[in-house]
PDB file of N, CA and C in Angstrom:
ATOM      1  N   MET A   1      98.893 112.661 104.255  1.00  0.00           N
ATOM      2  CA  MET A   1     100.181 112.683 104.895  1.00  0.00           C
ATOM      3  C   MET A   1     100.941 111.425 104.491  1.00  0.00           C
ATOM      4  N   LYS A   2     102.209 111.578 104.276  1.00  0.00           N
ATOM      5  CA  LYS A   2     103.049 110.436 103.925  1.00  0.00           C
ATOM      6  C   LYS A   2     103.778 109.977 105.186  1.00  0.00           C
ATOM      7  N   ILE A   3     103.745 108.669 105.419  1.00  0.00           N
ATOM      8  CA  ILE A   3     104.401 108.116 106.600  1.00  0.00           C
ATOM      9  C   ILE A   3     105.192 106.874 106.215  1.00  0.00           C
ATOM     10  N   THR A   4     106.129 106.528 107.071  1.00  0.00           N
ATOM     11  CA  THR A   4     106.766 105.216 107.004  1.00  0.00           C
ATOM     12  C   THR A   4     106.505 104.553 108.342  1.00  0.00           C
ATOM     13  N   GLY A   5     106.363 103.238 108.312  1.00  0.00           N
ATOM     14  CA  GLY A   5     106.067 102.531 109.546  1.00  0.00           C
ATOM     15  C   GLY A   5     106.064 101.033 109.336  1.00  0.00           C
ATOM     16  N   THR A   6     105.466 100.341 110.283  1.00  0.00           N
ATOM     17  CA  THR A   6     105.449  98.887 110.307  1.00  0.00           C
ATOM     18  C   THR A   6     104.015  98.397 110.419  1.00  0.00           C
ATOM     19  N   VAL A   7     103.650  97.449 109.568  1.00  0.00           N
ATOM     20  CA  VAL A   7     102.321  96.840 109.627  1.00  0.00           C
ATOM     21  C   VAL A   7     102.256  95.949 110.865  1.00  0.00           C
ATOM     22  N   VAL A   8     101.161  96.065 111.613  1.00  0.00           N
ATOM     23  CA  VAL A   8     100.965  95.245 112.806  1.00  0.00           C
ATOM     24  C   VAL A   8      99.595  94.575 112.756  1.00  0.00           C
ATOM     25  N   HIS A   9      99.559  93.331 113.197  1.00  0.00           N
ATOM     26  CA  HIS A   9      98.292  92.604 113.300  1.00  0.00           C
ATOM     27  C   HIS A   9      97.880  92.625 114.762  1.00  0.00           C
ATOM     28  N   ASN A  10      96.623  92.944 114.996  1.00  0.00           N
ATOM     29  CA  ASN A  10      96.121  93.021 116.362  1.00  0.00           C
ATOM     30  C   ASN A  10      94.846  92.185 116.440  1.00  0.00           C
ATOM     31  N   ASP A  11      94.837  91.178 117.313  1.00  0.00           N
ATOM     32  CA  ASP A  11      93.651  90.327 117.413  1.00  0.00           C
ATOM     33  C   ASP A  11      92.670  90.809 118.479  1.00  0.00           C
ATOM     34  N   LEU A  12      92.885  92.008 119.006  1.00  0.00           N
ATOM     35  CA  LEU A  12      91.936  92.609 119.935  1.00  0.00           C
ATOM     36  C   LEU A  12      90.782  93.243 119.173  1.00  0.00           C
ATOM     37  N   GLU A  13      89.654  93.370 119.814  1.00  0.00           N
ATOM     38  CA  GLU A  13      88.511  94.135 119.304  1.00  0.00           C
ATOM     39  C   GLU A  13      88.139  93.780 117.864  1.00  0.00           C
ATOM     40  N   GLY A  14      88.066  92.502 117.562  1.00  0.00           N
ATOM     41  CA  GLY A  14      87.582  92.109 116.248  1.00  0.00           C
ATOM     42  C   GLY A  14      88.648  91.816 115.217  1.00  0.00           C
ATOM     43  N   ASP A  15      89.918  91.763 115.593  1.00  0.00           N
ATOM     44  CA  ASP A  15      90.984  91.378 114.675  1.00  0.00           C
ATOM     45  C   ASP A  15      91.150  92.410 113.555  1.00  0.00           C
ATOM     46  N   PHE A  16      92.236  93.162 113.582  1.00  0.00           N
ATOM     47  CA  PHE A  16      92.444  94.173 112.554  1.00  0.00           C
ATOM     48  C   PHE A  16      93.936  94.362 112.286  1.00  0.00           C
ATOM     49  N   TRP A  17      94.212  95.008 111.158  1.00  0.00           N
ATOM     50  CA  TRP A  17      95.569  95.387 110.771  1.00  0.00           C
ATOM     51  C   TRP A  17      95.728  96.882 110.984  1.00  0.00           C
ATOM     52  N   GLY A  18      96.880  97.283 111.467  1.00  0.00           N
ATOM     53  CA  GLY A  18      97.174  98.693 111.649  1.00  0.00           C
ATOM     54  C   GLY A  18      98.584  98.992 111.175  1.00  0.00           C
ATOM     55  N   ILE A  19      98.954 100.247 111.281  1.00  0.00           N
ATOM     56  CA  ILE A  19     100.307 100.676 110.929  1.00  0.00           C
ATOM     57  C   ILE A  19     100.852 101.464 112.112  1.00  0.00           C
ATOM     58  N   LEU A  20     102.010 101.056 112.594  1.00  0.00           N
ATOM     59  CA  LEU A  20     102.697 101.785 113.653  1.00  0.00           C
ATOM     60  C   LEU A  20     103.746 102.659 112.981  1.00  0.00           C
ATOM     61  N   GLY A  21     103.517 103.969 113.017  1.00  0.00           N
ATOM     62  CA  GLY A  21     104.433 104.906 112.370  1.00  0.00           C
ATOM     63  C   GLY A  21     105.798 104.911 113.038  1.00  0.00           C
ATOM     64  N   ASP A  22     106.806 105.328 112.291  1.00  0.00           N
ATOM     65  CA  ASP A  22     108.156 105.417 112.844  1.00  0.00           C
ATOM     66  C   ASP A  22     108.232 106.364 114.036  1.00  0.00           C
ATOM     67  N   ASP A  23     107.256 107.272 114.147  1.00  0.00           N
ATOM     68  CA  ASP A  23     107.210 108.197 115.292  1.00  0.00           C
ATOM     69  C   ASP A  23     106.318 107.653 116.414  1.00  0.00           C
ATOM     70  N   ASP A  24     105.977 106.348 116.346  1.00  0.00           N
ATOM     71  CA  ASP A  24     105.137 105.637 117.321  1.00  0.00           C
ATOM     72  C   ASP A  24     103.655 106.012 117.270  1.00  0.00           C
ATOM     73  N   THR A  25     103.230 106.758 116.248  1.00  0.00           N
ATOM     74  CA  THR A  25     101.809 107.032 116.066  1.00  0.00           C
ATOM     75  C   THR A  25     101.135 105.785 115.527  1.00  0.00           C
ATOM     76  N   LYS A  26      99.967 105.449 116.070  1.00  0.00           N
ATOM     77  CA  LYS A  26      99.207 104.289 115.618  1.00  0.00           C
ATOM     78  C   LYS A  26      98.149 104.750 114.622  1.00  0.00           C
ATOM     79  N   TYR A  27      98.107 104.080 113.467  1.00  0.00           N
ATOM     80  CA  TYR A  27      97.135 104.398 112.419  1.00  0.00           C
ATOM     81  C   TYR A  27      96.249 103.180 112.192  1.00  0.00           C
ATOM     82  N   ARG A  28      94.943 103.389 112.177  1.00  0.00           N
ATOM     83  CA  ARG A  28      93.960 102.312 111.998  1.00  0.00           C
ATOM     84  C   ARG A  28      93.231 102.546 110.684  1.00  0.00           C
ATOM     85  N   PRO A  29      93.608 101.819 109.601  1.00  0.00           N
ATOM     86  CA  PRO A  29      92.902 101.989 108.328  1.00  0.00           C
ATOM     87  C   PRO A  29      91.426 101.624 108.462  1.00  0.00           C
ATOM     88  N   VAL A  30      90.547 102.455 107.890  1.00  0.00           N
ATOM     89  CA  VAL A  30      89.109 102.190 107.978  1.00  0.00           C
ATOM     90  C   VAL A  30      88.667 101.143 106.959  1.00  0.00           C
ATOM     91  N   GLU A  31      89.458 100.933 105.902  1.00  0.00           N
ATOM     92  CA  GLU A  31      89.232  99.828 104.969  1.00  0.00           C
ATOM     93  C   GLU A  31      90.368  98.833 105.182  1.00  0.00           C
ATOM     94  N   GLU A  32      90.126  97.583 104.839  1.00  0.00           N
ATOM     95  CA  GLU A  32      91.151  96.565 105.035  1.00  0.00           C
ATOM     96  C   GLU A  32      92.371  96.852 104.159  1.00  0.00           C
ATOM     97  N   LEU A  33      93.543  96.599 104.726  1.00  0.00           N
ATOM     98  CA  LEU A  33      94.768  96.770 103.947  1.00  0.00           C
ATOM     99  C   LEU A  33      94.803  95.758 102.800  1.00  0.00           C
ATOM    100  N   PRO A  34      95.458  96.101 101.687  1.00  0.00           N
ATOM    101  CA  PRO A  34      95.597  95.140 100.592  1.00  0.00           C
ATOM    102  C   PRO A  34      96.339  93.883 101.072  1.00  0.00           C
ATOM    103  N   ALA A  35      95.973  92.738 100.522  1.00  0.00           N
ATOM    104  CA  ALA A  35      96.570  91.463 100.928  1.00  0.00           C
ATOM    105  C   ALA A  35      98.092  91.474 100.812  1.00  0.00           C
ATOM    106  N   ALA A  36      98.625  92.178  99.841  1.00  0.00           N
ATOM    107  CA  ALA A  36     100.073  92.198  99.605  1.00  0.00           C
ATOM    108  C   ALA A  36     100.864  92.808 100.766  1.00  0.00           C
ATOM    109  N   VAL A  37     100.207  93.613 101.600  1.00  0.00           N
ATOM    110  CA  VAL A  37     100.924  94.234 102.721  1.00  0.00           C
ATOM    111  C   VAL A  37     100.416  93.759 104.087  1.00  0.00           C
ATOM    112  N   ARG A  38      99.509  92.793 104.102  1.00  0.00           N
ATOM    113  CA  ARG A  38      99.016  92.259 105.384  1.00  0.00           C
ATOM    114  C   ARG A  38      99.996  91.232 105.930  1.00  0.00           C
ATOM    115  N   LYS A  39     101.155  91.728 106.356  1.00  0.00           N
ATOM    116  CA  LYS A  39     102.210  90.877 106.918  1.00  0.00           C
ATOM    117  C   LYS A  39     102.745  91.561 108.166  1.00  0.00           C
ATOM    118  N   ASP A  40     102.540  90.928 109.307  1.00  0.00           N
ATOM    119  CA  ASP A  40     102.987  91.498 110.577  1.00  0.00           C
ATOM    120  C   ASP A  40     104.485  91.768 110.521  1.00  0.00           C
ATOM    121  N   GLY A  41     104.866  93.006 110.816  1.00  0.00           N
ATOM    122  CA  GLY A  41     106.272  93.391 110.831  1.00  0.00           C
ATOM    123  C   GLY A  41     106.790  93.948 109.521  1.00  0.00           C
ATOM    124  N   LEU A  42     105.953  93.991 108.480  1.00  0.00           N
ATOM    125  CA  LEU A  42     106.374  94.515 107.180  1.00  0.00           C
ATOM    126  C   LEU A  42     106.562  96.023 107.253  1.00  0.00           C
ATOM    127  N   ARG A  43     107.712  96.504 106.782  1.00  0.00           N
ATOM    128  CA  ARG A  43     107.974  97.940 106.729  1.00  0.00           C
ATOM    129  C   ARG A  43     107.313  98.501 105.473  1.00  0.00           C
ATOM    130  N   VAL A  44     106.584  99.622 105.625  1.00  0.00           N
ATOM    131  CA  VAL A  44     105.853 100.207 104.510  1.00  0.00           C
ATOM    132  C   VAL A  44     106.001 101.716 104.470  1.00  0.00           C
ATOM    133  N   GLU A  45     105.681 102.248 103.295  1.00  0.00           N
ATOM    134  CA  GLU A  45     105.523 103.681 103.090  1.00  0.00           C
ATOM    135  C   GLU A  45     104.070 103.854 102.666  1.00  0.00           C
ATOM    136  N   ALA A  46     103.377 104.828 103.247  1.00  0.00           N
ATOM    137  CA  ALA A  46     101.949 104.980 102.967  1.00  0.00           C
ATOM    138  C   ALA A  46     101.566 106.443 102.854  1.00  0.00           C
ATOM    139  N   ASP A  47     100.540 106.684 102.039  1.00  0.00           N
ATOM    140  CA  ASP A  47      99.924 108.000 101.909  1.00  0.00           C
ATOM    141  C   ASP A  47      98.554 107.884 102.569  1.00  0.00           C
ATOM    142  N   LEU A  48      98.371 108.581 103.681  1.00  0.00           N
ATOM    143  CA  LEU A  48      97.171 108.457 104.509  1.00  0.00           C
ATOM    144  C   LEU A  48      96.418 109.775 104.604  1.00  0.00           C
ATOM    145  N   GLU A  49      95.132 109.659 104.896  1.00  0.00           N
ATOM    146  CA  GLU A  49      94.286 110.827 105.148  1.00  0.00           C
ATOM    147  C   GLU A  49      93.461 110.542 106.399  1.00  0.00           C
ATOM    148  N   PRO A  50      93.431 111.461 107.370  1.00  0.00           N
ATOM    149  CA  PRO A  50      92.590 111.246 108.541  1.00  0.00           C
ATOM    150  C   PRO A  50      91.137 111.008 108.131  1.00  0.00           C
ATOM    151  N   ALA A  51      90.462 110.091 108.823  1.00  0.00           N
ATOM    152  CA  ALA A  51      89.073 109.749 108.508  1.00  0.00           C
ATOM    153  C   ALA A  51      88.211 109.965 109.754  1.00  0.00           C
ATOM    154  N   GLN A  52      87.108 110.632 109.569  1.00  0.00           N
ATOM    155  CA  GLN A  52      86.160 110.871 110.653  1.00  0.00           C
ATOM    156  C   GLN A  52      85.063 109.816 110.559  1.00  0.00           C
ATOM    157  N   VAL A  53      85.271 108.688 111.222  1.00  0.00           N
ATOM    158  CA  VAL A  53      84.299 107.597 111.200  1.00  0.00           C
ATOM    159  C   VAL A  53      84.090 107.084 112.618  1.00  0.00           C
ATOM    160  N   MET A  54      82.939 106.467 112.832  1.00  0.00           N
ATOM    161  CA  MET A  54      82.658 105.831 114.117  1.00  0.00           C
ATOM    162  C   MET A  54      83.282 104.448 114.092  1.00  0.00           C
ATOM    163  N   SER A  55      83.926 104.067 115.193  1.00  0.00           N
ATOM    164  CA  SER A  55      84.570 102.760 115.258  1.00  0.00           C
ATOM    165  C   SER A  55      84.555 102.262 116.695  1.00  0.00           C
ATOM    166  N   PHE A  56      84.375 100.954 116.847  1.00  0.00           N
ATOM    167  CA  PHE A  56      84.461 100.357 118.178  1.00  0.00           C
ATOM    168  C   PHE A  56      85.905 100.075 118.557  1.00  0.00           C
ATOM    169  N   THR A  57      86.785 100.082 117.565  1.00  0.00           N
ATOM    170  CA  THR A  57      88.199  99.806 117.817  1.00  0.00           C
ATOM    171  C   THR A  57      88.850 101.035 118.410  1.00  0.00           C
ATOM    172  N   MET A  58      89.382 100.882 119.592  1.00  0.00           N
ATOM    173  CA  MET A  58      90.008 102.001 120.289  1.00  0.00           C
ATOM    174  C   MET A  58      91.529 101.885 120.177  1.00  0.00           C
ATOM    175  N   TRP A  59      92.017 101.936 118.947  1.00  0.00           N
ATOM    176  CA  TRP A  59      93.453 101.802 118.698  1.00  0.00           C
ATOM    177  C   TRP A  59      93.840 102.750 117.587  1.00  0.00           C
ATOM    178  N   GLY A  60      94.546 103.780 117.913  1.00  0.00           N
ATOM    179  CA  GLY A  60      95.102 104.672 116.912  1.00  0.00           C
ATOM    180  C   GLY A  60      94.117 105.604 116.231  1.00  0.00           C
ATOM    181  N   GLN A  61      94.673 106.328 115.285  1.00  0.00           N
ATOM    182  CA  GLN A  61      93.929 107.327 114.508  1.00  0.00           C
ATOM    183  C   GLN A  61      93.319 106.644 113.289  1.00  0.00           C
ATOM    184  N   ASN A  62      92.019 106.844 113.071  1.00  0.00           N
ATOM    185  CA  ASN A  62      91.365 106.299 111.881  1.00  0.00           C
ATOM    186  C   ASN A  62      91.866 107.035 110.644  1.00  0.00           C
ATOM    187  N   VAL A  63      92.249 106.254 109.615  1.00  0.00           N
ATOM    188  CA  VAL A  63      92.776 106.844 108.388  1.00  0.00           C
ATOM    189  C   VAL A  63      92.257 106.103 107.160  1.00  0.00           C
ATOM    190  N   ARG A  64      92.247 106.808 106.045  1.00  0.00           N
ATOM    191  CA  ARG A  64      92.018 106.200 104.736  1.00  0.00           C
ATOM    192  C   ARG A  64      93.394 106.065 104.080  1.00  0.00           C
ATOM    193  N   VAL A  65      93.638 104.912 103.491  1.00  0.00           N
ATOM    194  CA  VAL A  65      94.916 104.651 102.838  1.00  0.00           C
ATOM    195  C   VAL A  65      94.757 104.928 101.343  1.00  0.00           C
ATOM    196  N   HIS A  66      95.465 105.951 100.848  1.00  0.00           N
ATOM    197  CA  HIS A  66      95.406 106.271  99.420  1.00  0.00           C
ATOM    198  C   HIS A  66      96.425 105.448  98.636  1.00  0.00           C
ATOM    199  N   ALA A  67      97.563 105.138  99.253  1.00  0.00           N
ATOM    200  CA  ALA A  67      98.601 104.330  98.614  1.00  0.00           C
ATOM    201  C   ALA A  67      99.446 103.712  99.724  1.00  0.00           C
ATOM    202  N   ILE A  68      99.909 102.486  99.477  1.00  0.00           N
ATOM    203  CA  ILE A  68     100.785 101.826 100.433  1.00  0.00           C
ATOM    204  C   ILE A  68     101.672 100.854  99.675  1.00  0.00           C
ATOM    205  N   LYS A  69     102.946 100.825 100.047  1.00  0.00           N
ATOM    206  CA  LYS A  69     103.865  99.903  99.374  1.00  0.00           C
ATOM    207  C   LYS A  69     104.943  99.468 100.360  1.00  0.00           C
ATOM    208  N   PRO A  70     105.439  98.243 100.184  1.00  0.00           N
ATOM    209  CA  PRO A  70     106.530  97.773 101.038  1.00  0.00           C
ATOM    210  C   PRO A  70     107.795  98.596 100.771  1.00  0.00           C
ATOM    211  N   LEU A  71     108.582  98.788 101.811  1.00  0.00           N
ATOM    212  CA  LEU A  71     109.861  99.459 101.646  1.00  0.00           C
ATOM    213  C   LEU A  71     110.884  98.453 101.152  1.00  0.00           C
ATOM    214  N   GLU A  72     111.799  98.920 100.340  1.00  0.00           N
ATOM    215  CA  GLU A  72     112.883  98.066  99.848  1.00  0.00           C
ATOM    216  C   GLU A  72     113.774  97.669 101.014  1.00  0.00           C
ATOM    217  N   LYS A  73     114.258  96.448 100.950  1.00  0.00           N
ATOM    218  CA  LYS A  73     115.141  95.964 102.022  1.00  0.00           C
ATOM    219  C   LYS A  73     116.563  96.333 101.757  1.00  0.00           C
TER     220      LYS A  73
END
């Protein structure tokens, strides 16, 4: 699925990066986001796939990130 949203840093439950979709859906990447987009408040476009994994983090939908890029300003 292709989404647009905002990168968010969350220091709860072990410190992680997530993406808050423009529709307010929370996405929790199961692998760490690339360093180039690990900026709190950065607007991005991403290609995501739902991931069925066990996680202690109770924030959003677990996803695999196939592609992610900053949106042009």
